[in-house]
Amino acid sequence: METIDFWTPKGTYGFLSNFYNAPMAIQGVTYPTNEHFFQSQKFIGNPEERYIINLPTPAETARDYAWIGSR
């Protein structure tokens, strides 16, 4: 059985990564990546939700979630 690696958005299966650049719209909000959506859902209805959505990269959403969550 072949192992499929998709922890990075590059490579053959990179499109399966949360960090893959594939904007999606859910209930009128456009998220640049699945990671933006995932991390922003931890702050629904709070200013941090919009902050996470507007970050330029998915790596920053994960990093800033850890920072925001520790406050």
PDB file of N, CA and C in Angstrom:
ATOM      1  N   MET A   1       0.844  -1.174   0.000  1.00  0.00           N
ATOM      2  CA  MET A   1       0.000   0.000   0.000  1.00  0.00           C
ATOM      3  C   MET A   1       0.892   1.241   0.000  1.00  0.00           C
ATOM      4  N   GLU A   2       0.567   2.185  -0.837  1.00  0.00           N
ATOM      5  CA  GLU A   2       1.324   3.429  -0.946  1.00  0.00           C
ATOM      6  C   GLU A   2       0.890   4.410   0.142  1.00  0.00           C
ATOM      7  N   THR A   3       1.865   5.060   0.758  1.00  0.00           N
ATOM      8  CA  THR A   3       1.583   6.110   1.725  1.00  0.00           C
ATOM      9  C   THR A   3       1.342   7.421   0.990  1.00  0.00           C
ATOM     10  N   ILE A   4       0.299   8.113   1.358  1.00  0.00           N
ATOM     11  CA  ILE A   4      -0.021   9.405   0.753  1.00  0.00           C
ATOM     12  C   ILE A   4       0.301  10.485   1.782  1.00  0.00           C
ATOM     13  N   ASP A   5       1.282  11.311   1.460  1.00  0.00           N
ATOM     14  CA  ASP A   5       1.664  12.410   2.351  1.00  0.00           C
ATOM     15  C   ASP A   5       0.993  13.693   1.873  1.00  0.00           C
ATOM     16  N   PHE A   6       0.335  14.373   2.799  1.00  0.00           N
ATOM     17  CA  PHE A   6      -0.307  15.640   2.429  1.00  0.00           C
ATOM     18  C   PHE A   6      -0.212  16.663   3.546  1.00  0.00           C
ATOM     19  N   TRP A   7       0.862  16.601   4.312  1.00  0.00           N
ATOM     20  CA  TRP A   7       1.058  17.561   5.393  1.00  0.00           C
ATOM     21  C   TRP A   7       1.601  18.889   4.892  1.00  0.00           C
ATOM     22  N   THR A   8       1.946  18.949   3.628  1.00  0.00           N
ATOM     23  CA  THR A   8       2.397  20.193   3.015  1.00  0.00           C
ATOM     24  C   THR A   8       1.534  20.445   1.770  1.00  0.00           C
ATOM     25  N   PRO A   9       1.286  21.697   1.430  1.00  0.00           N
ATOM     26  CA  PRO A   9       0.440  21.984   0.265  1.00  0.00           C
ATOM     27  C   PRO A   9       1.145  21.755  -1.073  1.00  0.00           C
ATOM     28  N   LYS A  10       2.396  21.341  -1.032  1.00  0.00           N
ATOM     29  CA  LYS A  10       3.131  21.070  -2.265  1.00  0.00           C
ATOM     30  C   LYS A  10       3.150  19.572  -2.528  1.00  0.00           C
ATOM     31  N   GLY A  11       3.369  19.211  -3.751  1.00  0.00           N
ATOM     32  CA  GLY A  11       3.467  17.804  -4.103  1.00  0.00           C
ATOM     33  C   GLY A  11       2.171  17.272  -4.683  1.00  0.00           C
ATOM     34  N   THR A  12       2.200  16.016  -5.035  1.00  0.00           N
ATOM     35  CA  THR A  12       1.083  15.375  -5.718  1.00  0.00           C
ATOM     36  C   THR A  12      -0.221  15.459  -4.937  1.00  0.00           C
ATOM     37  N   TYR A  13      -0.145  15.254  -3.640  1.00  0.00           N
ATOM     38  CA  TYR A  13      -1.360  15.239  -2.820  1.00  0.00           C
ATOM     39  C   TYR A  13      -1.503  16.485  -1.952  1.00  0.00           C
ATOM     40  N   GLY A  14      -0.768  17.520  -2.287  1.00  0.00           N
ATOM     41  CA  GLY A  14      -0.811  18.756  -1.514  1.00  0.00           C
ATOM     42  C   GLY A  14      -2.195  19.381  -1.420  1.00  0.00           C
ATOM     43  N   PHE A  15      -3.024  19.117  -2.412  1.00  0.00           N
ATOM     44  CA  PHE A  15      -4.380  19.683  -2.394  1.00  0.00           C
ATOM     45  C   PHE A  15      -5.209  19.147  -1.226  1.00  0.00           C
ATOM     46  N   LEU A  16      -4.754  18.092  -0.568  1.00  0.00           N
ATOM     47  CA  LEU A  16      -5.468  17.544   0.592  1.00  0.00           C
ATOM     48  C   LEU A  16      -5.082  18.243   1.899  1.00  0.00           C
ATOM     49  N   SER A  17      -4.059  19.070   1.870  1.00  0.00           N
ATOM     50  CA  SER A  17      -3.561  19.753   3.062  1.00  0.00           C
ATOM     51  C   SER A  17      -4.477  20.905   3.471  1.00  0.00           C
ATOM     52  N   ASN A  18      -4.612  21.123   4.762  1.00  0.00           N
ATOM     53  CA  ASN A  18      -5.356  22.290   5.267  1.00  0.00           C
ATOM     54  C   ASN A  18      -4.702  23.593   4.835  1.00  0.00           C
ATOM     55  N   PHE A  19      -3.420  23.538   4.478  1.00  0.00           N
ATOM     56  CA  PHE A  19      -2.675  24.735   4.109  1.00  0.00           C
ATOM     57  C   PHE A  19      -2.739  25.025   2.608  1.00  0.00           C
ATOM     58  N   TYR A  20      -3.395  24.171   1.843  1.00  0.00           N
ATOM     59  CA  TYR A  20      -3.505  24.353   0.400  1.00  0.00           C
ATOM     60  C   TYR A  20      -4.354  25.583   0.099  1.00  0.00           C
ATOM     61  N   ASN A  21      -3.888  26.413  -0.811  1.00  0.00           N
ATOM     62  CA  ASN A  21      -4.591  27.645  -1.164  1.00  0.00           C
ATOM     63  C   ASN A  21      -5.796  27.321  -2.043  1.00  0.00           C
ATOM     64  N   ALA A  22      -6.944  27.190  -1.392  1.00  0.00           N
ATOM     65  CA  ALA A  22      -8.191  26.895  -2.104  1.00  0.00           C
ATOM     66  C   ALA A  22      -9.308  27.663  -1.413  1.00  0.00           C
ATOM     67  N   PRO A  23      -9.486  28.932  -1.757  1.00  0.00           N
ATOM     68  CA  PRO A  23     -10.512  29.734  -1.096  1.00  0.00           C
ATOM     69  C   PRO A  23     -11.891  29.076  -1.177  1.00  0.00           C
ATOM     70  N   MET A  24     -12.637  29.232  -0.106  1.00  0.00           N
ATOM     71  CA  MET A  24     -14.001  28.683  -0.063  1.00  0.00           C
ATOM     72  C   MET A  24     -14.893  29.666   0.658  1.00  0.00           C
ATOM     73  N   ALA A  25     -16.144  29.729   0.247  1.00  0.00           N
ATOM     74  CA  ALA A  25     -17.125  30.613   0.872  1.00  0.00           C
ATOM     75  C   ALA A  25     -18.137  29.774   1.637  1.00  0.00           C
ATOM     76  N   ILE A  26     -18.330  30.137   2.888  1.00  0.00           N
ATOM     77  CA  ILE A  26     -19.307  29.471   3.743  1.00  0.00           C
ATOM     78  C   ILE A  26     -20.136  30.555   4.412  1.00  0.00           C
ATOM     79  N   GLN A  27     -21.434  30.517   4.204  1.00  0.00           N
ATOM     80  CA  GLN A  27     -22.371  31.486   4.768  1.00  0.00           C
ATOM     81  C   GLN A  27     -21.911  32.926   4.540  1.00  0.00           C
ATOM     82  N   GLY A  28     -21.463  33.212   3.314  1.00  0.00           N
ATOM     83  CA  GLY A  28     -21.095  34.560   2.917  1.00  0.00           C
ATOM     84  C   GLY A  28     -19.707  35.006   3.343  1.00  0.00           C
ATOM     85  N   VAL A  29     -18.935  34.148   3.986  1.00  0.00           N
ATOM     86  CA  VAL A  29     -17.576  34.483   4.402  1.00  0.00           C
ATOM     87  C   VAL A  29     -16.607  33.658   3.557  1.00  0.00           C
ATOM     88  N   THR A  30     -15.605  34.337   2.966  1.00  0.00           N
ATOM     89  CA  THR A  30     -14.607  33.643   2.167  1.00  0.00           C
ATOM     90  C   THR A  30     -13.365  33.388   3.013  1.00  0.00           C
ATOM     91  N   TYR A  31     -12.968  32.136   3.051  1.00  0.00           N
ATOM     92  CA  TYR A  31     -11.785  31.701   3.789  1.00  0.00           C
ATOM     93  C   TYR A  31     -10.711  31.326   2.775  1.00  0.00           C
ATOM     94  N   PRO A  32      -9.490  31.867   2.913  1.00  0.00           N
ATOM     95  CA  PRO A  32      -8.435  31.576   1.935  1.00  0.00           C
ATOM     96  C   PRO A  32      -8.018  30.107   1.883  1.00  0.00           C
ATOM     97  N   THR A  33      -8.058  29.441   3.043  1.00  0.00           N
ATOM     98  CA  THR A  33      -7.681  28.026   3.134  1.00  0.00           C
ATOM     99  C   THR A  33      -8.581  27.340   4.163  1.00  0.00           C
ATOM    100  N   ASN A  34      -8.551  26.026   4.146  1.00  0.00           N
ATOM    101  CA  ASN A  34      -9.283  25.270   5.155  1.00  0.00           C
ATOM    102  C   ASN A  34      -8.751  25.565   6.551  1.00  0.00           C
ATOM    103  N   GLU A  35      -7.455  25.812   6.663  1.00  0.00           N
ATOM    104  CA  GLU A  35      -6.856  26.132   7.974  1.00  0.00           C
ATOM    105  C   GLU A  35      -7.401  27.451   8.511  1.00  0.00           C
ATOM    106  N   HIS A  36      -7.618  28.431   7.641  1.00  0.00           N
ATOM    107  CA  HIS A  36      -8.221  29.692   8.073  1.00  0.00           C
ATOM    108  C   HIS A  36      -9.614  29.425   8.660  1.00  0.00           C
ATOM    109  N   PHE A  37     -10.386  28.604   7.974  1.00  0.00           N
ATOM    110  CA  PHE A  37     -11.724  28.270   8.472  1.00  0.00           C
ATOM    111  C   PHE A  37     -11.624  27.553   9.812  1.00  0.00           C
ATOM    112  N   PHE A  38     -10.809  26.514   9.870  1.00  0.00           N
ATOM    113  CA  PHE A  38     -10.670  25.701  11.076  1.00  0.00           C
ATOM    114  C   PHE A  38     -10.294  26.549  12.288  1.00  0.00           C
ATOM    115  N   GLN A  39      -9.259  27.363  12.149  1.00  0.00           N
ATOM    116  CA  GLN A  39      -8.795  28.162  13.293  1.00  0.00           C
ATOM    117  C   GLN A  39      -9.802  29.259  13.657  1.00  0.00           C
ATOM    118  N   SER A  40     -10.441  29.869  12.674  1.00  0.00           N
ATOM    119  CA  SER A  40     -11.388  30.956  12.967  1.00  0.00           C
ATOM    120  C   SER A  40     -12.617  30.460  13.716  1.00  0.00           C
ATOM    121  N   GLN A  41     -12.975  29.198  13.529  1.00  0.00           N
ATOM    122  CA  GLN A  41     -14.166  28.663  14.189  1.00  0.00           C
ATOM    123  C   GLN A  41     -13.999  28.567  15.703  1.00  0.00           C
ATOM    124  N   LYS A  42     -12.796  28.703  16.176  1.00  0.00           N
ATOM    125  CA  LYS A  42     -12.530  28.697  17.620  1.00  0.00           C
ATOM    126  C   LYS A  42     -12.898  30.035  18.259  1.00  0.00           C
ATOM    127  N   PHE A  43     -13.216  31.033  17.417  1.00  0.00           N
ATOM    128  CA  PHE A  43     -13.511  32.383  17.907  1.00  0.00           C
ATOM    129  C   PHE A  43     -14.810  32.941  17.334  1.00  0.00           C
ATOM    130  N   ILE A  44     -15.770  32.105  17.043  1.00  0.00           N
ATOM    131  CA  ILE A  44     -17.020  32.556  16.430  1.00  0.00           C
ATOM    132  C   ILE A  44     -17.641  33.688  17.242  1.00  0.00           C
ATOM    133  N   GLY A  45     -17.961  34.770  16.537  1.00  0.00           N
ATOM    134  CA  GLY A  45     -18.621  35.907  17.170  1.00  0.00           C
ATOM    135  C   GLY A  45     -17.701  36.858  17.917  1.00  0.00           C
ATOM    136  N   ASN A  46     -16.406  36.601  17.897  1.00  0.00           N
ATOM    137  CA  ASN A  46     -15.436  37.471  18.572  1.00  0.00           C
ATOM    138  C   ASN A  46     -14.557  38.168  17.537  1.00  0.00           C
ATOM    139  N   PRO A  47     -13.948  39.295  17.883  1.00  0.00           N
ATOM    140  CA  PRO A  47     -13.088  40.007  16.930  1.00  0.00           C
ATOM    141  C   PRO A  47     -11.942  39.142  16.407  1.00  0.00           C
ATOM    142  N   GLU A  48     -11.493  38.189  17.206  1.00  0.00           N
ATOM    143  CA  GLU A  48     -10.397  37.315  16.792  1.00  0.00           C
ATOM    144  C   GLU A  48     -10.768  36.455  15.585  1.00  0.00           C
ATOM    145  N   GLU A  49     -12.059  36.181  15.424  1.00  0.00           N
ATOM    146  CA  GLU A  49     -12.503  35.391  14.273  1.00  0.00           C
ATOM    147  C   GLU A  49     -12.106  36.094  12.968  1.00  0.00           C
ATOM    148  N   ARG A  50     -12.428  37.355  12.833  1.00  0.00           N
ATOM    149  CA  ARG A  50     -12.102  38.120  11.625  1.00  0.00           C
ATOM    150  C   ARG A  50     -10.589  38.281  11.488  1.00  0.00           C
ATOM    151  N   TYR A  51      -9.906  38.472  12.606  1.00  0.00           N
ATOM    152  CA  TYR A  51      -8.447  38.599  12.589  1.00  0.00           C
ATOM    153  C   TYR A  51      -7.817  37.351  11.965  1.00  0.00           C
ATOM    154  N   ILE A  52      -8.235  36.172  12.398  1.00  0.00           N
ATOM    155  CA  ILE A  52      -7.701  34.911  11.878  1.00  0.00           C
ATOM    156  C   ILE A  52      -8.018  34.778  10.382  1.00  0.00           C
ATOM    157  N   ILE A  53      -9.236  35.081   9.986  1.00  0.00           N
ATOM    158  CA  ILE A  53      -9.630  34.968   8.572  1.00  0.00           C
ATOM    159  C   ILE A  53      -8.757  35.854   7.689  1.00  0.00           C
ATOM    160  N   ASN A  54      -8.364  37.015   8.176  1.00  0.00           N
ATOM    161  CA  ASN A  54      -7.603  37.977   7.376  1.00  0.00           C
ATOM    162  C   ASN A  54      -6.092  37.769   7.386  1.00  0.00           C
ATOM    163  N   LEU A  55      -5.595  36.807   8.134  1.00  0.00           N
ATOM    164  CA  LEU A  55      -4.153  36.566   8.133  1.00  0.00           C
ATOM    165  C   LEU A  55      -3.698  36.098   6.753  1.00  0.00           C
ATOM    166  N   PRO A  56      -2.498  36.495   6.333  1.00  0.00           N
ATOM    167  CA  PRO A  56      -2.064  36.200   4.972  1.00  0.00           C
ATOM    168  C   PRO A  56      -1.730  34.742   4.678  1.00  0.00           C
ATOM    169  N   THR A  57      -1.330  33.966   5.683  1.00  0.00           N
ATOM    170  CA  THR A  57      -0.954  32.578   5.415  1.00  0.00           C
ATOM    171  C   THR A  57      -1.601  31.630   6.423  1.00  0.00           C
ATOM    172  N   PRO A  58      -1.806  30.370   6.036  1.00  0.00           N
ATOM    173  CA  PRO A  58      -2.376  29.402   6.962  1.00  0.00           C
ATOM    174  C   PRO A  58      -1.458  29.117   8.144  1.00  0.00           C
ATOM    175  N   ALA A  59      -0.150  29.183   7.928  1.00  0.00           N
ATOM    176  CA  ALA A  59       0.783  28.962   9.042  1.00  0.00           C
ATOM    177  C   ALA A  59       0.573  30.014  10.125  1.00  0.00           C
ATOM    178  N   GLU A  60       0.296  31.243   9.712  1.00  0.00           N
ATOM    179  CA  GLU A  60       0.054  32.311  10.686  1.00  0.00           C
ATOM    180  C   GLU A  60      -1.235  32.080  11.470  1.00  0.00           C
ATOM    181  N   THR A  61      -2.225  31.437  10.856  1.00  0.00           N
ATOM    182  CA  THR A  61      -3.465  31.184  11.598  1.00  0.00           C
ATOM    183  C   THR A  61      -3.205  30.215  12.740  1.00  0.00           C
ATOM    184  N   ALA A  62      -2.415  29.189  12.483  1.00  0.00           N
ATOM    185  CA  ALA A  62      -2.095  28.217  13.530  1.00  0.00           C
ATOM    186  C   ALA A  62      -1.231  28.855  14.603  1.00  0.00           C
ATOM    187  N   ARG A  63      -0.249  29.639  14.189  1.00  0.00           N
ATOM    188  CA  ARG A  63       0.632  30.312  15.149  1.00  0.00           C
ATOM    189  C   ARG A  63      -0.144  31.316  16.002  1.00  0.00           C
ATOM    190  N   ASP A  64      -0.941  32.141  15.354  1.00  0.00           N
ATOM    191  CA  ASP A  64      -1.666  33.171  16.098  1.00  0.00           C
ATOM    192  C   ASP A  64      -2.779  32.591  16.941  1.00  0.00           C
ATOM    193  N   TYR A  65      -3.365  31.460  16.534  1.00  0.00           N
ATOM    194  CA  TYR A  65      -4.350  30.819  17.407  1.00  0.00           C
ATOM    195  C   TYR A  65      -3.692  30.452  18.725  1.00  0.00           C
ATOM    196  N   ALA A  66      -2.492  29.885  18.654  1.00  0.00           N
ATOM    197  CA  ALA A  66      -1.783  29.498  19.881  1.00  0.00           C
ATOM    198  C   ALA A  66      -1.509  30.713  20.743  1.00  0.00           C
ATOM    199  N   TRP A  67      -1.138  31.825  20.095  1.00  0.00           N
ATOM    200  CA  TRP A  67      -0.851  33.055  20.828  1.00  0.00           C
ATOM    201  C   TRP A  67      -2.125  33.633  21.449  1.00  0.00           C
ATOM    202  N   ILE A  68      -3.194  33.725  20.670  1.00  0.00           N
ATOM    203  CA  ILE A  68      -4.464  34.267  21.158  1.00  0.00           C
ATOM    204  C   ILE A  68      -5.027  33.366  22.266  1.00  0.00           C
ATOM    205  N   GLY A  69      -4.978  32.070  22.032  1.00  0.00           N
ATOM    206  CA  GLY A  69      -5.530  31.121  22.995  1.00  0.00           C
ATOM    207  C   GLY A  69      -4.823  31.115  24.331  1.00  0.00           C
ATOM    208  N   SER A  70      -3.561  31.589  24.354  1.00  0.00           N
ATOM    209  CA  SER A  70      -2.810  31.573  25.607  1.00  0.00           C
ATOM    210  C   SER A  70      -2.999  32.856  26.418  1.00  0.00           C
ATOM    211  N   ARG A  71      -3.744  33.815  25.856  1.00  0.00           N
ATOM    212  CA  ARG A  71      -3.942  35.082  26.584  1.00  0.00           C
ATOM    213  C   ARG A  71      -4.980  34.919  27.654  1.00  0.00           C
TER     214      ARG A  71
END
